[in-house]
Amino acid sequence: MDNRPIKTAGGLKIIPDCTVSEIDISADTVLLLAGADTCHDKKLKDILSLTEKVLLENGTVVSMCASVGALNSLGILATRKHTSNALNFLKLVSNQYVSESNYS
């Protein structure tokens, strides 16, 4: 992955500060996962595993749209408070969603 600007499906332009290999994870780290129909793509495995590292360091992860479903696939939502644009949408993009007790 590189740090070229990314445009989300909703038209939001995001300019990354660094690449995945350049990131220095700390409690100040904010990782933004844009929503896309490619969130379950194996190419994004490095970014999704980076998510777990950021959370272990008490950093912040912001996940939009379908990327919330990808986080669920990793089991991250099972132990963390989370939300999405709609509970039914989350169940739709993640067929194994069972974390309603952490949903708000």
Protein backbone atom coordinates (compact mmCIF):
# COMPACT_ATOMS: atom_id res chain seq x y z
CA MET A 1 0.00 0.00 0.00
CA ASP A 2 1.17 3.55 -0.61
CA ASN A 3 0.15 6.99 0.56
CA ARG A 4 -1.64 8.19 -2.57
CA PRO A 5 -5.01 9.86 -1.94
CA ILE A 6 -7.94 7.48 -1.58
CA LYS A 7 -11.52 8.29 -2.53
CA THR A 8 -14.23 6.40 -0.67
CA ALA A 9 -17.39 5.12 -2.32
CA GLY A 10 -19.19 8.08 -0.72
CA GLY A 11 -16.76 10.55 -2.31
CA LEU A 12 -14.64 11.40 0.76
CA LYS A 13 -11.01 12.03 -0.22
CA ILE A 14 -8.50 10.71 2.33
CA ILE A 15 -4.77 11.48 2.15
CA PRO A 16 -2.73 9.02 4.27
CA ASP A 17 0.11 10.44 6.37
CA CYS A 18 2.28 7.37 5.77
CA THR A 19 2.35 3.87 4.34
CA VAL A 20 1.65 0.73 6.38
CA SER A 21 5.38 -0.02 6.59
CA GLU A 22 6.19 3.50 7.86
CA ILE A 23 3.67 3.66 10.68
CA ASP A 24 4.95 4.00 14.24
CA ILE A 25 2.13 2.69 16.42
CA SER A 26 1.39 4.39 19.73
CA ALA A 27 -1.60 5.47 21.81
CA ASP A 28 -1.73 8.58 19.58
CA THR A 29 -2.21 6.52 16.42
CA VAL A 30 -5.47 6.99 14.53
CA LEU A 31 -6.16 4.46 11.81
CA LEU A 32 -8.96 5.26 9.37
CA LEU A 33 -10.42 2.34 7.44
CA ALA A 34 -12.49 3.63 4.56
CA GLY A 35 -15.52 1.68 3.46
CA ALA A 36 -15.30 -0.20 0.20
CA ASP A 37 -16.52 -3.35 -1.44
CA THR A 38 -12.93 -4.66 -1.27
CA CYS A 39 -12.67 -4.82 2.54
CA HIS A 40 -12.51 -8.61 2.54
CA ASP A 41 -9.87 -8.65 -0.21
CA LYS A 42 -6.76 -10.60 0.80
CA LYS A 43 -4.60 -7.64 -0.38
CA LEU A 44 -5.84 -5.69 2.64
CA LYS A 45 -4.77 -8.34 5.17
CA ASP A 46 -1.78 -6.21 6.29
CA ILE A 47 -4.01 -3.23 7.05
CA LEU A 48 -6.50 -5.33 8.97
CA SER A 49 -3.74 -6.94 11.04
CA LEU A 50 -2.39 -3.43 11.68
CA THR A 51 -5.79 -2.65 13.18
CA GLU A 52 -5.22 -5.21 15.93
CA LYS A 53 -1.80 -3.73 16.72
CA VAL A 54 -3.21 -0.19 16.94
CA LEU A 55 -5.91 -1.34 19.36
CA LEU A 56 -3.36 -3.22 21.51
CA GLU A 57 -1.44 0.07 21.90
CA ASN A 58 -4.70 1.87 22.85
CA GLY A 59 -4.76 3.76 19.57
CA THR A 60 -7.97 4.68 17.79
CA VAL A 61 -9.53 2.86 14.85
CA VAL A 62 -12.24 4.53 12.78
CA SER A 63 -13.98 2.11 10.47
CA MET A 64 -16.57 3.09 7.87
CA CYS A 65 -19.23 1.06 6.10
CA ALA A 66 -18.13 -2.40 4.98
CA SER A 67 -14.78 -2.19 6.76
CA VAL A 68 -16.73 -2.69 10.02
CA GLY A 69 -17.75 -6.09 8.68
CA ALA A 70 -14.10 -6.88 7.92
CA LEU A 71 -13.19 -6.06 11.53
CA ASN A 72 -15.92 -8.41 12.67
CA SER A 73 -14.39 -11.16 10.54
CA LEU A 74 -11.20 -10.77 12.58
CA GLY A 75 -13.14 -11.08 15.84
CA ILE A 76 -12.27 -7.53 16.89
CA LEU A 77 -15.88 -6.49 17.52
CA ALA A 78 -16.55 -9.38 19.90
CA THR A 79 -14.79 -7.56 22.76
CA ARG A 80 -15.10 -3.88 21.84
CA LYS A 81 -17.84 -1.28 21.81
CA HIS A 82 -18.69 -0.35 18.24
CA THR A 83 -21.35 1.10 16.01
CA SER A 84 -22.13 1.34 12.31
CA ASN A 85 -24.58 3.12 10.06
CA ALA A 86 -27.20 0.47 11.00
CA LEU A 87 -27.19 -2.82 12.86
CA ASN A 88 -28.99 -4.51 9.98
CA PHE A 89 -26.31 -3.24 7.57
CA LEU A 90 -23.59 -4.69 9.78
CA LYS A 91 -25.34 -8.05 9.80
CA LEU A 92 -25.63 -7.83 6.01
CA VAL A 93 -21.91 -7.14 5.36
CA SER A 94 -20.75 -9.61 7.97
CA ASN A 95 -22.58 -12.91 7.89
CA GLN A 96 -21.00 -14.08 11.17
CA TYR A 97 -21.87 -11.02 13.25
CA VAL A 98 -22.70 -12.05 16.84
CA SER A 99 -21.55 -8.98 18.81
CA GLU A 100 -24.85 -7.17 19.33
CA SER A 101 -24.12 -6.82 23.06
CA ASN A 102 -21.24 -4.45 22.18
CA TYR A 103 -23.22 -2.50 19.58
CA SER A 104 -24.46 0.98 20.40
